[in-house]
C-alpha atoms as a PDB file:
ATOM      1  CA  MET A   1      48.056  14.977  -5.888  1.00  0.00           C
ATOM      2  CA  ASN A   2      45.608  16.399  -8.100  1.00  0.00           C
ATOM      3  CA  ASN A   3      45.371  13.073 -10.304  1.00  0.00           C
ATOM      4  CA  PHE A   4      45.156  10.830  -7.299  1.00  0.00           C
ATOM      5  CA  VAL A   5      41.709  12.995  -6.106  1.00  0.00           C
ATOM      6  CA  LYS A   6      40.579  12.790  -9.570  1.00  0.00           C
ATOM      7  CA  VAL A   7      41.075   8.728  -9.647  1.00  0.00           C
ATOM      8  CA  LYS A   8      39.060   8.596  -6.105  1.00  0.00           C
ATOM      9  CA  GLU A   9      36.572  10.986  -7.653  1.00  0.00           C
ATOM     10  CA  ARG A  10      35.935   8.388 -10.785  1.00  0.00           C
ATOM     11  CA  ILE A  11      36.265   5.539  -8.224  1.00  0.00           C
ATOM     12  CA  TYR A  12      33.098   6.938  -6.067  1.00  0.00           C
ATOM     13  CA  ARG A  13      31.115   8.023  -8.920  1.00  0.00           C
ATOM     14  CA  TRP A  14      31.405   4.259 -10.033  1.00  0.00           C
ATOM     15  CA  ILE A  15      30.651   2.701  -6.858  1.00  0.00           C
ATOM     16  CA  PHE A  16      27.582   5.081  -6.426  1.00  0.00           C
ATOM     17  CA  THR A  17      26.307   4.754 -10.062  1.00  0.00           C
ATOM     18  CA  ALA A  18      26.506   0.599  -9.638  1.00  0.00           C
ATOM     19  CA  LEU A  19      24.730   0.632  -6.037  1.00  0.00           C
ATOM     20  CA  ALA A  20      21.942   3.238  -8.187  1.00  0.00           C
ATOM     21  CA  PHE A  21      21.307   0.895 -10.772  1.00  0.00           C
ATOM     22  CA  SER A  22      21.393  -2.294  -8.837  1.00  0.00           C
ATOM     23  CA  SER A  23      17.773  -1.334  -8.169  1.00  0.00           C
ATOM     24  CA  LEU A  24      17.015  -1.301 -11.536  1.00  0.00           C
ATOM     25  CA  LEU A  25      18.629  -4.559 -11.807  1.00  0.00           C
ATOM     26  CA  PHE A  26      16.437  -6.395  -9.268  1.00  0.00           C
ATOM     27  CA  LEU A  27      13.323  -5.154 -10.413  1.00  0.00           C
ATOM     28  CA  THR A  28      14.350  -6.237 -13.753  1.00  0.00           C
ATOM     29  CA  GLY A  29      14.863  -9.708 -12.050  1.00  0.00           C
ATOM     30  CA  ILE A  30      11.787  -9.899 -10.397  1.00  0.00           C
ATOM     31  CA  ILE A  31       9.625  -9.024 -13.581  1.00  0.00           C
ATOM     32  CA  LEU A  32      11.566 -11.945 -15.297  1.00  0.00           C
ATOM     33  CA  LEU A  33      11.243 -14.428 -12.673  1.00  0.00           C
ATOM     34  CA  LEU A  34       7.524 -13.695 -12.148  1.00  0.00           C
ATOM     35  CA  LEU A  35       7.033 -14.112 -16.113  1.00  0.00           C
ATOM     36  CA  LYS A  36       9.170 -17.050 -16.340  1.00  0.00           C
ATOM     37  CA  GLU A  37       7.162 -18.750 -13.756  1.00  0.00           C
ATOM     38  CA  SER A  38       3.750 -17.730 -14.822  1.00  0.00           C
ATOM     39  CA  LEU A  39       3.726 -18.139 -18.347  1.00  0.00           C
ATOM     40  CA  PRO A  40       3.628 -21.656 -18.553  1.00  0.00           C
ATOM     41  CA  LEU A  41       0.118 -21.539 -16.992  1.00  0.00           C
ATOM     42  CA  PHE A  42      -1.338 -19.551 -19.661  1.00  0.00           C
ATOM     43  CA  LYS A  43      -0.384 -22.342 -22.234  1.00  0.00           C
ATOM     44  CA  HIS A  44      -3.415 -24.057 -20.432  1.00  0.00           C
ATOM     45  CA  VAL A  45      -5.695 -21.485 -19.500  1.00  0.00           C
ATOM     46  CA  LYS A  46      -6.398 -18.089 -21.189  1.00  0.00           C
ATOM     47  CA  PHE A  47      -5.526 -14.796 -19.483  1.00  0.00           C
ATOM     48  CA  LEU A  48      -8.743 -13.777 -19.456  1.00  0.00           C
ATOM     49  CA  ASP A  49     -10.422 -16.485 -18.033  1.00  0.00           C
ATOM     50  CA  PHE A  50      -7.531 -16.561 -15.569  1.00  0.00           C
ATOM     51  CA  VAL A  51      -8.304 -12.661 -14.736  1.00  0.00           C
ATOM     52  CA  LEU A  52     -12.167 -12.659 -14.751  1.00  0.00           C
ATOM     53  CA  GLY A  53     -13.033 -16.837 -13.768  1.00  0.00           C
ATOM     54  CA  ARG A  54     -15.139 -16.652 -10.722  1.00  0.00           C
ATOM     55  CA  SER A  55     -13.771 -19.885  -9.120  1.00  0.00           C
ATOM     56  CA  TRP A  56     -10.500 -20.600  -7.666  1.00  0.00           C
ATOM     57  CA  TYR A  57     -10.059 -24.291  -7.130  1.00  0.00           C
ATOM     58  CA  PRO A  58      -6.517 -25.270  -7.960  1.00  0.00           C
ATOM     59  CA  THR A  59      -6.713 -28.864  -6.250  1.00  0.00           C
ATOM     60  CA  ALA A  60     -10.140 -30.132  -7.509  1.00  0.00           C
ATOM     61  CA  PRO A  61     -10.456 -32.989  -9.789  1.00  0.00           C
ATOM     62  CA  VAL A  62     -10.867 -30.479 -12.660  1.00  0.00           C
ATOM     63  CA  PRO A  63      -9.177 -27.469 -11.360  1.00  0.00           C
ATOM     64  CA  GLU A  64     -10.680 -23.920 -11.758  1.00  0.00           C
ATOM     65  CA  TRP A  65      -8.174 -21.146 -11.925  1.00  0.00           C
ATOM     66  CA  GLY A  66     -10.164 -18.060 -11.630  1.00  0.00           C
ATOM     67  CA  ILE A  67      -8.796 -15.183  -9.583  1.00  0.00           C
ATOM     68  CA  LEU A  68     -11.564 -12.267  -9.774  1.00  0.00           C
ATOM     69  CA  PRO A  69     -12.820 -13.204  -6.175  1.00  0.00           C
ATOM     70  CA  LEU A  70      -9.165 -12.605  -4.863  1.00  0.00           C
ATOM     71  CA  ILE A  71      -8.908  -9.603  -6.796  1.00  0.00           C
ATOM     72  CA  LEU A  72     -12.283  -8.450  -5.796  1.00  0.00           C
ATOM     73  CA  ALA A  73     -11.243  -9.374  -2.394  1.00  0.00           C
ATOM     74  CA  SER A  74      -7.684  -7.141  -2.395  1.00  0.00           C
ATOM     75  CA  PHE A  75      -9.730  -4.257  -3.720  1.00  0.00           C
ATOM     76  CA  LEU A  76     -12.463  -4.234  -1.460  1.00  0.00           C
ATOM     77  CA  VAL A  77     -10.234  -4.612   1.907  1.00  0.00           C
ATOM     78  CA  THR A  78      -7.758  -1.635   0.309  1.00  0.00           C
ATOM     79  CA  LEU A  79     -11.011   0.256  -0.258  1.00  0.00           C
ATOM     80  CA  GLY A  80     -11.957  -0.068   3.359  1.00  0.00           C
ATOM     81  CA  ALA A  81      -8.703   0.504   4.619  1.00  0.00           C
ATOM     82  CA  LEU A  82      -8.160   3.885   2.884  1.00  0.00           C
ATOM     83  CA  PHE A  83     -11.676   4.745   4.716  1.00  0.00           C
ATOM     84  CA  ILE A  84      -9.535   4.506   8.085  1.00  0.00           C
ATOM     85  CA  CYS A  85      -5.795   5.627   6.851  1.00  0.00           C
ATOM     86  CA  VAL A  86      -6.596   8.434   4.753  1.00  0.00           C
ATOM     87  CA  PRO A  87      -8.831  10.789   7.577  1.00  0.00           C
ATOM     88  CA  LEU A  88      -6.411   9.532   9.935  1.00  0.00           C
ATOM     89  CA  GLY A  89      -3.354  10.031   8.052  1.00  0.00           C
ATOM     90  CA  VAL A  90      -4.009  13.449   6.641  1.00  0.00           C
ATOM     91  CA  GLY A  91      -5.609  14.643   9.781  1.00  0.00           C
ATOM     92  CA  SER A  92      -2.393  13.537  11.881  1.00  0.00           C
ATOM     93  CA  ALA A  93      -0.512  15.354   9.437  1.00  0.00           C
ATOM     94  CA  LEU A  94      -2.235  18.535   9.239  1.00  0.00           C
ATOM     95  CA  TYR A  95      -2.420  18.493  13.345  1.00  0.00           C
ATOM     96  CA  ILE A  96       1.328  17.731  13.798  1.00  0.00           C
ATOM     97  CA  HIS A  97       2.638  20.515  11.101  1.00  0.00           C
ATOM     98  CA  GLU A  98       0.159  23.074  11.231  1.00  0.00           C
ATOM     99  CA  ILE A  99      -1.285  22.950  14.590  1.00  0.00           C
ATOM    100  CA  ALA A 100       0.680  21.335  17.130  1.00  0.00           C
ATOM    101  CA  ASP A 101       3.171  22.969  19.469  1.00  0.00           C
ATOM    102  CA  GLU A 102       6.878  21.842  19.287  1.00  0.00           C
ATOM    103  CA  LYS A 103       6.354  19.585  22.365  1.00  0.00           C
ATOM    104  CA  GLN A 104       3.226  17.896  21.235  1.00  0.00           C
ATOM    105  CA  ARG A 105       5.227  17.257  17.738  1.00  0.00           C
ATOM    106  CA  MET A 106       7.999  15.641  19.759  1.00  0.00           C
ATOM    107  CA  ILE A 107       5.531  13.445  21.232  1.00  0.00           C
ATOM    108  CA  LEU A 108       3.164  12.871  18.209  1.00  0.00           C
ATOM    109  CA  LYS A 109       5.557  12.242  15.724  1.00  0.00           C
ATOM    110  CA  PRO A 110       7.552   9.292  17.168  1.00  0.00           C
ATOM    111  CA  MET A 111       4.267   7.468  18.373  1.00  0.00           C
ATOM    112  CA  ILE A 112       3.127   7.494  14.936  1.00  0.00           C
ATOM    113  CA  GLU A 113       6.334   6.132  13.373  1.00  0.00           C
ATOM    114  CA  ILE A 114       6.228   3.525  16.083  1.00  0.00           C
ATOM    115  CA  LEU A 115       2.969   2.203  14.118  1.00  0.00           C
ATOM    116  CA  ALA A 116       5.336   1.748  11.215  1.00  0.00           C
ATOM    117  CA  SER A 117       7.429  -0.265  12.987  1.00  0.00           C
ATOM    118  CA  ILE A 118       5.347  -3.017  14.491  1.00  0.00           C
ATOM    119  CA  PRO A 119       5.288  -6.140  12.894  1.00  0.00           C
ATOM    120  CA  SER A 120       2.680  -7.054  10.889  1.00  0.00           C
ATOM    121  CA  VAL A 121       2.035 -10.535  12.212  1.00  0.00           C
ATOM    122  CA  VAL A 122       1.619  -8.298  15.611  1.00  0.00           C
ATOM    123  CA  TYR A 123      -1.248  -6.251  14.130  1.00  0.00           C
ATOM    124  CA  GLY A 124      -2.393  -9.680  13.279  1.00  0.00           C
ATOM    125  CA  PHE A 125      -2.890 -10.873  16.625  1.00  0.00           C
ATOM    126  CA  PHE A 126      -4.341  -7.697  17.508  1.00  0.00           C
ATOM    127  CA  GLY A 127      -6.866  -8.390  14.648  1.00  0.00           C
ATOM    128  CA  MET A 128      -7.884 -11.952  15.723  1.00  0.00           C
ATOM    129  CA  VAL A 129      -7.950 -11.252  19.507  1.00  0.00           C
ATOM    130  CA  ILE A 130      -9.488  -7.983  19.718  1.00  0.00           C
ATOM    131  CA  ALA A 131     -10.891  -6.543  16.554  1.00  0.00           C
ATOM    132  CA  ALA A 132     -12.639  -9.729  15.181  1.00  0.00           C
ATOM    133  CA  PRO A 133     -14.360 -10.900  18.436  1.00  0.00           C
ATOM    134  CA  PHE A 134     -15.719  -7.288  18.885  1.00  0.00           C
ATOM    135  CA  LEU A 135     -16.877  -7.033  15.559  1.00  0.00           C
ATOM    136  CA  GLN A 136     -18.204 -10.620  15.656  1.00  0.00           C
ATOM    137  CA  LYS A 137     -20.516  -9.432  18.544  1.00  0.00           C
ATOM    138  CA  ILE A 138     -21.630  -6.220  17.443  1.00  0.00           C
ATOM    139  CA  PHE A 139     -22.725  -6.908  14.034  1.00  0.00           C
ATOM    140  CA  HIS A 140     -23.928 -10.511  15.159  1.00  0.00           C
ATOM    141  CA  LEU A 141     -21.415 -12.614  12.395  1.00  0.00           C
ATOM    142  CA  PRO A 142     -20.864 -16.112  12.186  1.00  0.00           C
ATOM    143  CA  THR A 143     -16.957 -15.036  12.251  1.00  0.00           C
ATOM    144  CA  GLY A 144     -15.398 -12.124  13.226  1.00  0.00           C
ATOM    145  CA  LEU A 145     -12.335 -12.920  10.472  1.00  0.00           C
ATOM    146  CA  CYS A 146     -14.016 -10.868   7.635  1.00  0.00           C
ATOM    147  CA  ALA A 147     -13.122  -8.182   4.929  1.00  0.00           C
ATOM    148  CA  LEU A 148     -14.084  -4.870   7.868  1.00  0.00           C
ATOM    149  CA  THR A 149     -11.519  -6.624  10.261  1.00  0.00           C
ATOM    150  CA  ALA A 150      -8.957  -6.907   7.462  1.00  0.00           C
ATOM    151  CA  SER A 151      -9.804  -3.380   6.284  1.00  0.00           C
ATOM    152  CA  ILE A 152      -9.421  -1.802   9.985  1.00  0.00           C
ATOM    153  CA  ILE A 153      -6.273  -3.350  10.420  1.00  0.00           C
ATOM    154  CA  LEU A 154      -4.694  -2.644   7.324  1.00  0.00           C
ATOM    155  CA  GLY A 155      -6.023   0.861   7.455  1.00  0.00           C
ATOM    156  CA  ILE A 156      -4.178   1.378  10.615  1.00  0.00           C
ATOM    157  CA  MET A 157      -0.971   0.174   9.328  1.00  0.00           C
ATOM    158  CA  ALA A 158      -1.086   2.721   6.510  1.00  0.00           C
ATOM    159  CA  VAL A 159      -1.577   5.362   8.567  1.00  0.00           C
ATOM    160  CA  PRO A 160       2.124   6.013   9.240  1.00  0.00           C
ATOM    161  CA  THR A 161       2.891   5.734   5.348  1.00  0.00           C
ATOM    162  CA  VAL A 162       0.221   8.350   4.478  1.00  0.00           C
ATOM    163  CA  CYS A 163       1.075  10.658   7.566  1.00  0.00           C
ATOM    164  CA  SER A 164       4.604  11.049   7.264  1.00  0.00           C
ATOM    165  CA  LEU A 165       4.287  11.862   3.256  1.00  0.00           C
ATOM    166  CA  ALA A 166       1.311  14.074   3.835  1.00  0.00           C
ATOM    167  CA  GLU A 167       3.386  15.913   6.275  1.00  0.00           C
ATOM    168  CA  ASP A 168       6.234  16.436   3.958  1.00  0.00           C
ATOM    169  CA  ALA A 169       3.637  17.548   1.153  1.00  0.00           C
ATOM    170  CA  LEU A 170       2.588  20.556   3.686  1.00  0.00           C
ATOM    171  CA  SER A 171       6.187  21.339   4.812  1.00  0.00           C
ATOM    172  CA  CYS A 172       6.700  22.330   0.929  1.00  0.00           C
ATOM    173  CA  VAL A 173       3.829  24.795   0.423  1.00  0.00           C
ATOM    174  CA  PRO A 174       5.656  28.480   1.157  1.00  0.00           C
ATOM    175  CA  ASN A 175       4.821  30.211   4.138  1.00  0.00           C
ATOM    176  CA  SER A 176       3.528  33.206   1.747  1.00  0.00           C
ATOM    177  CA  PHE A 177       0.369  30.795   0.944  1.00  0.00           C
ATOM    178  CA  ARG A 178      -0.417  31.192   4.567  1.00  0.00           C
ATOM    179  CA  GLU A 179       0.444  34.420   5.281  1.00  0.00           C
ATOM    180  CA  ALA A 180      -1.409  35.575   2.316  1.00  0.00           C
ATOM    181  CA  SER A 181      -4.803  33.888   3.558  1.00  0.00           C
ATOM    182  CA  TYR A 182      -4.336  35.679   7.325  1.00  0.00           C
ATOM    183  CA  ALA A 183      -3.915  38.944   5.271  1.00  0.00           C
ATOM    184  CA  VAL A 184      -7.113  38.582   3.606  1.00  0.00           C
ATOM    185  CA  GLY A 185      -9.139  37.881   7.002  1.00  0.00           C
ATOM    186  CA  ALA A 186      -8.955  34.081   6.679  1.00  0.00           C
ATOM    187  CA  ASN A 187      -8.962  31.935  10.298  1.00  0.00           C
ATOM    188  CA  ARG A 188      -6.579  29.419  11.058  1.00  0.00           C
ATOM    189  CA  TRP A 189      -9.478  26.790   9.896  1.00  0.00           C
ATOM    190  CA  GLN A 190      -9.945  28.116   6.569  1.00  0.00           C
ATOM    191  CA  THR A 191      -6.346  28.762   5.884  1.00  0.00           C
ATOM    192  CA  LEU A 192      -5.713  24.989   6.404  1.00  0.00           C
ATOM    193  CA  ILE A 193      -8.916  23.852   4.503  1.00  0.00           C
ATOM    194  CA  PHE A 194      -8.950  26.241   1.584  1.00  0.00           C
ATOM    195  CA  VAL A 195      -5.456  27.100   0.939  1.00  0.00           C
ATOM    196  CA  VAL A 196      -2.845  24.696   2.517  1.00  0.00           C
ATOM    197  CA  LEU A 197      -4.495  21.484   1.828  1.00  0.00           C
ATOM    198  CA  PRO A 198      -5.177  22.134  -2.086  1.00  0.00           C
ATOM    199  CA  ALA A 199      -1.532  23.753  -2.346  1.00  0.00           C
ATOM    200  CA  ALA A 200      -0.278  20.363  -0.822  1.00  0.00           C
ATOM    201  CA  GLY A 201      -3.228  18.291  -2.620  1.00  0.00           C
ATOM    202  CA  SER A 202      -0.485  16.476  -5.234  1.00  0.00           C
ATOM    203  CA  GLY A 203       1.554  15.324  -2.499  1.00  0.00           C
ATOM    204  CA  VAL A 204      -1.474  14.429  -0.394  1.00  0.00           C
ATOM    205  CA  SER A 205      -2.409  12.439  -3.329  1.00  0.00           C
ATOM    206  CA  THR A 206       0.567  10.722  -3.621  1.00  0.00           C
ATOM    207  CA  ALA A 207       0.666   9.882   0.295  1.00  0.00           C
ATOM    208  CA  ILE A 208      -2.915   8.267  -0.696  1.00  0.00           C
ATOM    209  CA  ILE A 209      -1.766   5.848  -3.290  1.00  0.00           C
ATOM    210  CA  LEU A 210       1.059   4.570  -1.437  1.00  0.00           C
ATOM    211  CA  GLY A 211      -1.006   4.052   1.289  1.00  0.00           C
ATOM    212  CA  MET A 212      -2.887   1.980  -0.964  1.00  0.00           C
ATOM    213  CA  SER A 213      -0.059   0.159  -2.245  1.00  0.00           C
ATOM    214  CA  ARG A 214       0.974  -0.547   1.274  1.00  0.00           C
ATOM    215  CA  ALA A 215      -2.516  -2.053   2.027  1.00  0.00           C
ATOM    216  CA  ILE A 216      -3.104  -3.863  -1.310  1.00  0.00           C
ATOM    217  CA  GLY A 217       0.835  -5.553  -0.483  1.00  0.00           C
ATOM    218  CA  GLU A 218       0.164  -6.938   2.949  1.00  0.00           C
ATOM    219  CA  THR A 219       0.359 -10.765   3.537  1.00  0.00           C
ATOM    220  CA  MET A 220       0.480 -11.393   7.021  1.00  0.00           C
ATOM    221  CA  THR A 221      -2.195  -9.535   8.083  1.00  0.00           C
ATOM    222  CA  VAL A 222      -4.343 -10.211   5.708  1.00  0.00           C
ATOM    223  CA  LEU A 223      -3.601 -14.018   6.193  1.00  0.00           C
ATOM    224  CA  MET A 224      -4.674 -13.781   9.763  1.00  0.00           C
ATOM    225  CA  VAL A 225      -7.665 -11.682   9.912  1.00  0.00           C
ATOM    226  CA  ALA A 226      -9.535 -11.832   6.588  1.00  0.00           C
ATOM    227  CA  GLY A 227     -10.966 -15.295   6.911  1.00  0.00           C
ATOM    228  CA  GLY A 228      -9.493 -17.134   3.838  1.00  0.00           C
ATOM    229  CA  ALA A 229     -12.666 -17.700   1.657  1.00  0.00           C
ATOM    230  CA  ALA A 230     -12.198 -17.418  -1.943  1.00  0.00           C
ATOM    231  CA  VAL A 231     -15.455 -16.026  -3.075  1.00  0.00           C
ATOM    232  CA  ILE A 232     -16.602 -13.150  -4.601  1.00  0.00           C
ATOM    233  CA  PRO A 233     -17.340 -10.779  -1.808  1.00  0.00           C
ATOM    234  CA  GLN A 234     -20.776  -9.307  -1.348  1.00  0.00           C
ATOM    235  CA  SER A 235     -19.943  -6.951   1.716  1.00  0.00           C
ATOM    236  CA  LEU A 236     -17.277  -5.883   4.402  1.00  0.00           C
ATOM    237  CA  LEU A 237     -19.089  -8.196   6.622  1.00  0.00           C
ATOM    238  CA  GLU A 238     -18.040 -11.701   4.651  1.00  0.00           C
ATOM    239  CA  PRO A 239     -14.655 -13.305   4.908  1.00  0.00           C
ATOM    240  CA  VAL A 240     -12.670 -13.138   1.965  1.00  0.00           C
ATOM    241  CA  ARG A 241      -9.395 -14.256   0.599  1.00  0.00           C
ATOM    242  CA  PRO A 242      -7.034 -11.337  -0.993  1.00  0.00           C
ATOM    243  CA  MET A 243      -4.058 -12.381  -3.318  1.00  0.00           C
ATOM    244  CA  THR A 244      -1.336 -11.936  -1.129  1.00  0.00           C
ATOM    245  CA  SER A 245      -2.921 -14.187   1.609  1.00  0.00           C
ATOM    246  CA  THR A 246      -3.444 -16.618  -1.416  1.00  0.00           C
ATOM    247  CA  ILE A 247      -0.031 -16.986  -2.576  1.00  0.00           C
ATOM    248  CA  ALA A 248       1.315 -17.166   1.152  1.00  0.00           C
ATOM    249  CA  ALA A 249      -1.454 -19.478   2.360  1.00  0.00           C
ATOM    250  CA  GLU A 250      -0.733 -22.056  -0.996  1.00  0.00           C
ATOM    251  CA  MET A 251       3.037 -21.719  -2.041  1.00  0.00           C
ATOM    252  CA  GLY A 252       3.889 -24.220   0.627  1.00  0.00           C
ATOM    253  CA  GLU A 253       1.301 -26.894  -0.759  1.00  0.00           C
ATOM    254  CA  ALA A 254       2.056 -26.104  -4.366  1.00  0.00           C
ATOM    255  CA  VAL A 255       4.023 -28.835  -5.969  1.00  0.00           C
ATOM    256  CA  MET A 256       7.212 -27.085  -7.879  1.00  0.00           C
ATOM    257  CA  GLY A 257       6.694 -26.652 -11.684  1.00  0.00           C
ATOM    258  CA  SER A 258       2.894 -27.705 -11.327  1.00  0.00           C
ATOM    259  CA  LEU A 259       0.086 -25.351 -12.702  1.00  0.00           C
ATOM    260  CA  HIS A 260      -0.904 -24.582  -9.459  1.00  0.00           C
ATOM    261  CA  TYR A 261       2.514 -23.631  -8.540  1.00  0.00           C
ATOM    262  CA  ASN A 262       2.568 -21.414 -11.589  1.00  0.00           C
ATOM    263  CA  ALA A 263      -0.851 -19.617 -10.964  1.00  0.00           C
ATOM    264  CA  LEU A 264       0.056 -18.591  -7.745  1.00  0.00           C
ATOM    265  CA  PHE A 265       3.186 -16.850  -9.769  1.00  0.00           C
ATOM    266  CA  ALA A 266       0.555 -15.632 -12.047  1.00  0.00           C
ATOM    267  CA  ILE A 267      -1.143 -14.179  -9.007  1.00  0.00           C
ATOM    268  CA  GLY A 268       1.925 -12.317  -8.121  1.00  0.00           C
ATOM    269  CA  LEU A 269       2.554 -10.857 -11.436  1.00  0.00           C
ATOM    270  CA  VAL A 270      -0.781  -9.600 -11.292  1.00  0.00           C
ATOM    271  CA  LEU A 271      -0.114  -7.979  -7.963  1.00  0.00           C
ATOM    272  CA  PHE A 272       3.257  -6.461  -9.141  1.00  0.00           C
ATOM    273  CA  THR A 273       1.668  -4.728 -11.877  1.00  0.00           C
ATOM    274  CA  VAL A 274      -1.182  -3.655  -9.873  1.00  0.00           C
ATOM    275  CA  THR A 275       1.052  -2.238  -7.071  1.00  0.00           C
ATOM    276  CA  PHE A 276       3.657  -0.827 -10.170  1.00  0.00           C
ATOM    277  CA  ILE A 277       0.790   1.106 -11.641  1.00  0.00           C
ATOM    278  CA  PHE A 278      -0.184   2.893  -8.063  1.00  0.00           C
ATOM    279  CA  ASN A 279       3.391   4.088  -7.928  1.00  0.00           C
ATOM    280  CA  ILE A 280       3.562   4.844 -11.248  1.00  0.00           C
ATOM    281  CA  VAL A 281       0.744   7.351 -10.821  1.00  0.00           C
ATOM    282  CA  ALA A 282       2.033   8.071  -7.454  1.00  0.00           C
ATOM    283  CA  GLU A 283       5.458   9.296  -9.056  1.00  0.00           C
ATOM    284  CA  ILE A 284       3.643  11.506 -11.785  1.00  0.00           C
ATOM    285  CA  VAL A 285       1.347  12.950  -9.173  1.00  0.00           C
ATOM    286  CA  SER A 286       4.537  13.822  -7.056  1.00  0.00           C
ATOM    287  CA  LYS A 287       6.160  15.268 -10.362  1.00  0.00           C
ATOM    288  CA  ARG A 288       3.136  17.733 -10.917  1.00  0.00           C
ATOM    289  CA  PHE A 289       2.995  18.834  -7.188  1.00  0.00           C
ATOM    290  CA  ARG A 290       6.931  19.821  -7.151  1.00  0.00           C
ATOM    291  CA  LEU A 291       6.424  21.190 -10.405  1.00  0.00           C
ATOM    292  CA  LYS A 292       3.648  23.032  -9.218  1.00  0.00           C
ATOM    293  CA  LEU A 293       5.472  24.653  -6.291  1.00  0.00           C
ATOM    294  CA  GLY A 294       8.441  25.476  -8.632  1.00  0.00           C
ATOM    295  CA  LEU A 295      10.504  22.721  -6.375  1.00  0.00           C
ATOM    296  CA  ASP A 296      11.833  21.005  -9.780  1.00  0.00           C
ATOM    297  CA  ARG A 297      13.695  23.153 -12.343  1.00  0.00           C
END
């Protein structure tokens, strides 16, 4: 009987080990695919010319492969989204975890989580029908489909990510920190701002970084509301074309195996690298947060 139990445990261990390493296998496969399909482009275009080039005209008689406008557009809308999702996400987490009573928490937490379940195309419809005309009227723009519209919608989409992770970070702050703050005469507001939030700072930073990854990797929404102009953006009120929307818009028309096809995979490789770096930084920050609070041994 004991031998049978040991065999079962060994089988379970192998199954779960295989499942755990399957994620690494998928990641390796994605990297190899991106490299295989994008490297042929760099036989014709230097990598720095590709990344720093100011013109993206892949179908012109003399193609131009510069993706700097696409990179700047991605970072611009992501930066704009941060100004939306950080105060809303962190503020919501503080209120839900530190201030709201149980009844309010039971209503607010599911409502915020519902935002994460809404399909991105629905956000895109909202941006096209509501946000874009409103901004066009307010700022007297030729079109409301611009970087600001994309930033607002992406910021709303990233709120659930920032809020959930920030709340987890706040829940890891020991109650002794709050009690010590109250004991020396601090009120609730001072305790939240000067004690709880700094103690959860690394975890909140992780939430913000992952919110950035959520925003910079979004495709459908920016394809619908960003305007689609592959030019170097001068302000948030101009149409832009981030990397994700470029891939989605042009992959269907690119001939398989052509330089245009390879260039789109190269854009995907750059985007993958950026989001990969964001996630590594988030993991490092999270690790320091757990060590700071003694949650890792």
